[in-house]
């Protein structure tokens, strides 16, 4: 698999994730910037999370998304900051490439 194709695939993934939920449920800011500052990211505690402990809104967003629902979920990590928790989900795509998506507890993807 060539690098340009992988980059195009990942860009398409991000686009589809951002458009994924068309249920009519909207939030004030569908895409949120990470509230972690540079020093906070380095010191924020990380914790492995079991699939059963993943917030339901995140699980529902993944299951409704055409692209994410085809990936294999490999790992879930919760990073707790001062103001919010971020869930980093590591997926393996059909081409065996690693894809990481970050969500807040409400199921919104976070741009970093």
N, C-alpha and C. Protein backbone atom coordinates (compact mmCIF):
# COMPACT_ATOMS: atom_id res chain seq x y z
N UNK A 1 0.87 -1.17 0.00
CA UNK A 1 0.00 0.00 0.00
C UNK A 1 0.91 1.22 0.00
N UNK A 2 0.64 2.13 -0.90
CA UNK A 2 1.47 3.31 -1.02
C UNK A 2 1.09 4.35 0.01
N UNK A 3 2.06 5.17 0.35
CA UNK A 3 1.84 6.20 1.36
C UNK A 3 0.75 7.20 0.96
N UNK A 4 0.72 7.70 -0.31
CA UNK A 4 -0.35 8.64 -0.67
C UNK A 4 -1.75 8.03 -0.52
N UNK A 5 -1.89 6.76 -0.85
CA UNK A 5 -3.19 6.11 -0.71
C UNK A 5 -3.58 6.03 0.76
N UNK A 6 -2.62 5.70 1.62
CA UNK A 6 -2.89 5.64 3.05
C UNK A 6 -3.32 7.00 3.57
N UNK A 7 -2.63 8.06 3.17
CA UNK A 7 -2.99 9.41 3.62
C UNK A 7 -4.37 9.79 3.11
N UNK A 8 -4.69 9.44 1.87
CA UNK A 8 -6.01 9.71 1.33
C UNK A 8 -7.07 8.93 2.10
N UNK A 9 -6.77 7.68 2.42
CA UNK A 9 -7.71 6.86 3.18
C UNK A 9 -7.96 7.44 4.56
N UNK A 10 -6.90 7.90 5.21
CA UNK A 10 -7.05 8.46 6.55
C UNK A 10 -7.83 9.76 6.50
N UNK A 11 -7.58 10.59 5.46
CA UNK A 11 -8.34 11.84 5.32
C UNK A 11 -9.82 11.53 5.10
N UNK A 12 -10.10 10.53 4.28
CA UNK A 12 -11.48 10.12 4.06
C UNK A 12 -12.10 9.61 5.35
N UNK A 13 -11.34 8.86 6.14
CA UNK A 13 -11.81 8.38 7.43
C UNK A 13 -12.23 9.55 8.32
N UNK A 14 -11.37 10.55 8.43
CA UNK A 14 -11.69 11.70 9.29
C UNK A 14 -12.92 12.43 8.78
N UNK A 15 -13.04 12.57 7.47
CA UNK A 15 -14.21 13.23 6.90
C UNK A 15 -15.48 12.45 7.22
N UNK A 16 -15.44 11.14 7.03
CA UNK A 16 -16.62 10.32 7.27
C UNK A 16 -16.99 10.29 8.75
N UNK A 17 -15.99 10.27 9.61
CA UNK A 17 -16.27 10.30 11.04
C UNK A 17 -16.96 11.60 11.41
N UNK A 18 -16.52 12.69 10.82
CA UNK A 18 -17.12 13.98 11.16
C UNK A 18 -18.55 14.09 10.64
N UNK A 19 -18.89 13.35 9.60
CA UNK A 19 -20.23 13.39 9.03
C UNK A 19 -21.07 12.20 9.44
N UNK A 20 -20.51 11.31 10.23
CA UNK A 20 -21.12 10.02 10.50
C UNK A 20 -22.51 10.01 11.08
N UNK A 21 -22.79 10.76 12.10
CA UNK A 21 -24.08 10.66 12.78
C UNK A 21 -25.06 11.66 12.19
N UNK A 22 -26.05 11.16 11.48
CA UNK A 22 -27.06 12.02 10.86
C UNK A 22 -28.41 11.82 11.55
N UNK A 23 -28.37 11.51 12.85
CA UNK A 23 -29.60 11.20 13.58
C UNK A 23 -30.41 12.44 13.93
N UNK A 24 -29.90 13.61 13.60
CA UNK A 24 -30.61 14.83 13.93
C UNK A 24 -30.17 15.39 15.27
N UNK A 25 -29.43 14.62 16.02
CA UNK A 25 -28.93 15.09 17.30
C UNK A 25 -27.73 15.99 17.04
N UNK A 26 -27.82 17.22 17.46
CA UNK A 26 -26.71 18.14 17.23
C UNK A 26 -26.24 18.70 18.55
N UNK A 27 -25.01 19.10 18.53
CA UNK A 27 -24.44 19.75 19.70
C UNK A 27 -23.95 21.12 19.26
N UNK A 28 -23.68 21.96 20.22
CA UNK A 28 -23.23 23.31 19.90
C UNK A 28 -21.94 23.28 19.09
N UNK A 29 -21.05 22.38 19.42
CA UNK A 29 -19.79 22.27 18.71
C UNK A 29 -19.51 20.80 18.45
N UNK A 30 -19.89 20.32 17.29
CA UNK A 30 -19.77 18.90 16.98
C UNK A 30 -18.33 18.42 17.06
N UNK A 31 -17.41 19.26 16.61
CA UNK A 31 -15.99 18.94 16.72
C UNK A 31 -15.40 19.86 17.77
N UNK A 32 -14.78 19.28 18.75
CA UNK A 32 -14.22 20.09 19.81
C UNK A 32 -12.71 20.03 19.76
N UNK A 33 -12.09 21.15 20.04
CA UNK A 33 -10.65 21.17 20.17
C UNK A 33 -10.31 20.55 21.51
N UNK A 34 -9.18 19.90 21.57
CA UNK A 34 -8.75 19.31 22.82
C UNK A 34 -8.51 20.40 23.84
N UNK A 35 -8.96 20.16 25.07
CA UNK A 35 -8.75 21.15 26.11
C UNK A 35 -7.43 20.91 26.84
N UNK A 36 -6.66 19.94 26.38
CA UNK A 36 -5.38 19.67 27.01
C UNK A 36 -4.33 20.62 26.46
N UNK A 37 -3.62 21.28 27.36
CA UNK A 37 -2.48 22.10 26.95
C UNK A 37 -1.28 21.20 26.76
N UNK A 38 -0.19 21.71 26.17
CA UNK A 38 0.99 20.87 25.90
C UNK A 38 1.55 20.20 27.15
N UNK A 39 1.63 20.91 28.27
CA UNK A 39 2.19 20.30 29.47
C UNK A 39 1.21 19.32 30.10
N UNK A 40 -0.08 19.57 29.93
CA UNK A 40 -1.08 18.68 30.53
C UNK A 40 -1.12 17.33 29.81
N UNK A 41 -0.91 17.33 28.49
CA UNK A 41 -0.90 16.07 27.74
C UNK A 41 0.21 15.17 28.26
N UNK A 42 1.36 15.76 28.53
CA UNK A 42 2.51 14.97 28.98
C UNK A 42 2.28 14.39 30.37
N UNK A 43 1.49 15.05 31.20
CA UNK A 43 1.30 14.58 32.57
C UNK A 43 -0.06 13.96 32.83
N UNK A 44 -0.95 14.00 31.85
CA UNK A 44 -2.31 13.45 32.05
C UNK A 44 -2.22 11.94 32.24
N UNK A 45 -2.90 11.44 33.27
CA UNK A 45 -2.87 9.99 33.50
C UNK A 45 -3.66 9.23 32.44
N UNK A 46 -3.07 8.15 31.95
CA UNK A 46 -3.73 7.29 30.97
C UNK A 46 -4.16 6.01 31.67
N UNK A 47 -5.30 5.49 31.24
CA UNK A 47 -5.82 4.27 31.84
C UNK A 47 -6.47 3.43 30.75
N UNK A 48 -6.14 2.15 30.71
CA UNK A 48 -6.79 1.24 29.77
C UNK A 48 -8.25 1.09 30.19
N UNK A 49 -9.12 1.03 29.21
CA UNK A 49 -10.56 0.93 29.45
C UNK A 49 -11.10 -0.31 28.76
N UNK A 50 -11.91 -1.07 29.47
CA UNK A 50 -12.56 -2.25 28.88
C UNK A 50 -13.70 -1.79 27.99
N UNK A 51 -14.02 -2.56 26.99
CA UNK A 51 -15.11 -2.22 26.07
C UNK A 51 -16.42 -1.99 26.82
N UNK A 52 -16.67 -2.77 27.85
CA UNK A 52 -17.90 -2.61 28.63
C UNK A 52 -17.96 -1.28 29.38
N UNK A 53 -16.80 -0.66 29.62
CA UNK A 53 -16.74 0.60 30.35
C UNK A 53 -16.69 1.82 29.44
N UNK A 54 -16.72 1.60 28.13
CA UNK A 54 -16.72 2.71 27.18
C UNK A 54 -18.07 3.42 27.26
N UNK A 55 -18.08 4.76 27.34
CA UNK A 55 -19.37 5.46 27.39
C UNK A 55 -20.27 5.06 26.22
N UNK A 56 -21.54 4.85 26.52
CA UNK A 56 -22.51 4.37 25.53
C UNK A 56 -22.58 5.29 24.32
N UNK A 57 -22.45 6.60 24.51
CA UNK A 57 -22.54 7.53 23.39
C UNK A 57 -21.40 7.33 22.39
N UNK A 58 -20.21 6.97 22.89
CA UNK A 58 -19.09 6.69 21.99
C UNK A 58 -19.35 5.40 21.23
N UNK A 59 -19.79 4.35 21.94
CA UNK A 59 -20.08 3.07 21.29
C UNK A 59 -21.15 3.23 20.23
N UNK A 60 -22.18 4.00 20.52
CA UNK A 60 -23.25 4.22 19.54
C UNK A 60 -22.74 4.95 18.32
N UNK A 61 -21.88 5.94 18.52
CA UNK A 61 -21.33 6.71 17.40
C UNK A 61 -20.50 5.81 16.48
N UNK A 62 -19.71 4.91 17.08
CA UNK A 62 -18.89 3.99 16.29
C UNK A 62 -19.77 3.02 15.51
N UNK A 63 -20.78 2.48 16.16
CA UNK A 63 -21.66 1.50 15.50
C UNK A 63 -22.45 2.11 14.36
N UNK A 64 -22.79 3.40 14.44
CA UNK A 64 -23.55 4.07 13.39
C UNK A 64 -22.67 4.53 12.23
N UNK A 65 -21.37 4.62 12.46
CA UNK A 65 -20.47 5.15 11.45
C UNK A 65 -20.09 4.06 10.44
N UNK A 66 -20.30 4.36 9.15
CA UNK A 66 -20.04 3.37 8.09
C UNK A 66 -18.60 2.89 8.08
N UNK A 67 -17.65 3.77 8.30
CA UNK A 67 -16.25 3.40 8.22
C UNK A 67 -15.75 2.76 9.51
N UNK A 68 -15.97 3.43 10.64
CA UNK A 68 -15.47 2.91 11.91
C UNK A 68 -16.05 1.54 12.24
N UNK A 69 -17.27 1.30 11.87
CA UNK A 69 -17.89 0.02 12.19
C UNK A 69 -17.26 -1.14 11.43
N UNK A 70 -16.47 -0.85 10.38
CA UNK A 70 -15.79 -1.91 9.64
C UNK A 70 -14.38 -2.19 10.17
N UNK A 71 -13.90 -1.33 11.06
CA UNK A 71 -12.56 -1.51 11.63
C UNK A 71 -12.63 -2.42 12.85
N UNK A 72 -11.49 -3.00 13.19
CA UNK A 72 -11.37 -3.82 14.39
C UNK A 72 -10.84 -2.95 15.52
N UNK A 73 -11.58 -2.90 16.62
CA UNK A 73 -11.15 -2.12 17.77
C UNK A 73 -10.08 -2.90 18.51
N UNK A 74 -8.91 -2.28 18.65
CA UNK A 74 -7.77 -2.96 19.26
C UNK A 74 -7.55 -2.55 20.72
N UNK A 75 -7.72 -1.24 21.01
CA UNK A 75 -7.40 -0.75 22.35
C UNK A 75 -8.18 0.52 22.66
N UNK A 76 -8.55 0.69 23.92
CA UNK A 76 -9.21 1.91 24.38
C UNK A 76 -8.40 2.46 25.55
N UNK A 77 -8.04 3.74 25.45
CA UNK A 77 -7.29 4.39 26.51
C UNK A 77 -8.03 5.66 26.90
N UNK A 78 -8.18 5.88 28.19
CA UNK A 78 -8.81 7.09 28.70
C UNK A 78 -7.69 7.99 29.24
N UNK A 79 -7.68 9.24 28.75
CA UNK A 79 -6.72 10.23 29.22
C UNK A 79 -7.53 11.28 29.99
N UNK A 80 -7.26 11.39 31.28
CA UNK A 80 -8.02 12.31 32.12
C UNK A 80 -7.27 13.62 32.28
N UNK A 81 -7.88 14.71 31.79
CA UNK A 81 -7.31 16.04 31.96
C UNK A 81 -8.00 16.75 33.10
N UNK A 82 -7.70 18.03 33.28
CA UNK A 82 -8.31 18.80 34.36
C UNK A 82 -9.81 18.98 34.14
N UNK A 83 -10.21 19.25 32.89
CA UNK A 83 -11.61 19.58 32.61
C UNK A 83 -12.40 18.50 31.91
N UNK A 84 -11.72 17.56 31.30
CA UNK A 84 -12.45 16.54 30.55
C UNK A 84 -11.61 15.28 30.38
N UNK A 85 -12.30 14.21 30.06
CA UNK A 85 -11.64 12.95 29.72
C UNK A 85 -11.69 12.79 28.21
N UNK A 86 -10.62 12.25 27.66
CA UNK A 86 -10.55 11.94 26.24
C UNK A 86 -10.34 10.45 26.11
N UNK A 87 -11.11 9.83 25.23
CA UNK A 87 -10.99 8.40 24.97
C UNK A 87 -10.29 8.22 23.63
N UNK A 88 -9.09 7.64 23.67
CA UNK A 88 -8.33 7.34 22.45
C UNK A 88 -8.61 5.89 22.08
N UNK A 89 -9.22 5.70 20.92
CA UNK A 89 -9.55 4.38 20.45
C UNK A 89 -8.62 4.01 19.31
N UNK A 90 -7.97 2.88 19.43
CA UNK A 90 -7.05 2.40 18.41
C UNK A 90 -7.74 1.30 17.62
N UNK A 91 -7.82 1.50 16.31
CA UNK A 91 -8.46 0.55 15.40
C UNK A 91 -7.43 -0.02 14.43
N UNK A 92 -7.77 -1.16 13.86
CA UNK A 92 -7.01 -1.73 12.74
C UNK A 92 -7.96 -1.75 11.55
N UNK A 93 -7.54 -1.12 10.44
CA UNK A 93 -8.41 -1.08 9.26
C UNK A 93 -8.21 -2.34 8.43
N UNK A 94 -9.01 -2.55 7.38
CA UNK A 94 -8.90 -3.78 6.57
C UNK A 94 -7.54 -3.97 5.91
N UNK A 95 -6.77 -2.88 5.77
CA UNK A 95 -5.42 -2.98 5.20
C UNK A 95 -4.36 -3.17 6.27
N UNK A 96 -4.80 -3.50 7.49
CA UNK A 96 -3.93 -3.74 8.62
C UNK A 96 -3.14 -2.50 9.05
N UNK A 97 -3.71 -1.32 8.82
CA UNK A 97 -3.11 -0.06 9.25
C UNK A 97 -3.74 0.36 10.56
N UNK A 98 -2.97 0.98 11.42
CA UNK A 98 -3.47 1.47 12.71
C UNK A 98 -4.09 2.84 12.52
N UNK A 99 -5.28 3.01 13.08
CA UNK A 99 -6.00 4.28 13.03
C UNK A 99 -6.41 4.62 14.46
N UNK A 100 -6.10 5.85 14.90
CA UNK A 100 -6.47 6.28 16.24
C UNK A 100 -7.47 7.42 16.13
N UNK A 101 -8.57 7.30 16.84
CA UNK A 101 -9.58 8.35 16.88
C UNK A 101 -9.81 8.72 18.34
N UNK A 102 -9.94 10.01 18.61
CA UNK A 102 -10.15 10.51 19.97
C UNK A 102 -11.56 11.07 20.11
N UNK A 103 -12.22 10.71 21.20
CA UNK A 103 -13.59 11.12 21.46
C UNK A 103 -13.70 11.73 22.85
N UNK A 104 -14.66 12.67 23.02
CA UNK A 104 -15.01 13.10 24.37
C UNK A 104 -16.09 12.15 24.89
N UNK A 105 -16.51 12.32 26.14
CA UNK A 105 -17.45 11.36 26.73
C UNK A 105 -18.84 11.42 26.09
N UNK A 106 -19.11 12.50 25.32
CA UNK A 106 -20.41 12.63 24.64
C UNK A 106 -20.41 11.99 23.26
N UNK A 107 -19.26 11.44 22.86
CA UNK A 107 -19.18 10.77 21.56
C UNK A 107 -18.73 11.66 20.42
N UNK A 108 -18.34 12.89 20.72
CA UNK A 108 -17.85 13.80 19.67
C UNK A 108 -16.38 13.53 19.41
N UNK A 109 -16.01 13.47 18.13
CA UNK A 109 -14.61 13.28 17.79
C UNK A 109 -13.87 14.58 18.11
N UNK A 110 -12.66 14.44 18.59
CA UNK A 110 -11.86 15.60 19.00
C UNK A 110 -10.72 15.78 18.01
N UNK A 111 -10.61 16.99 17.50
CA UNK A 111 -9.50 17.32 16.61
C UNK A 111 -8.32 17.73 17.45
N UNK A 112 -7.17 17.16 17.17
CA UNK A 112 -5.98 17.51 17.93
C UNK A 112 -4.91 18.07 17.03
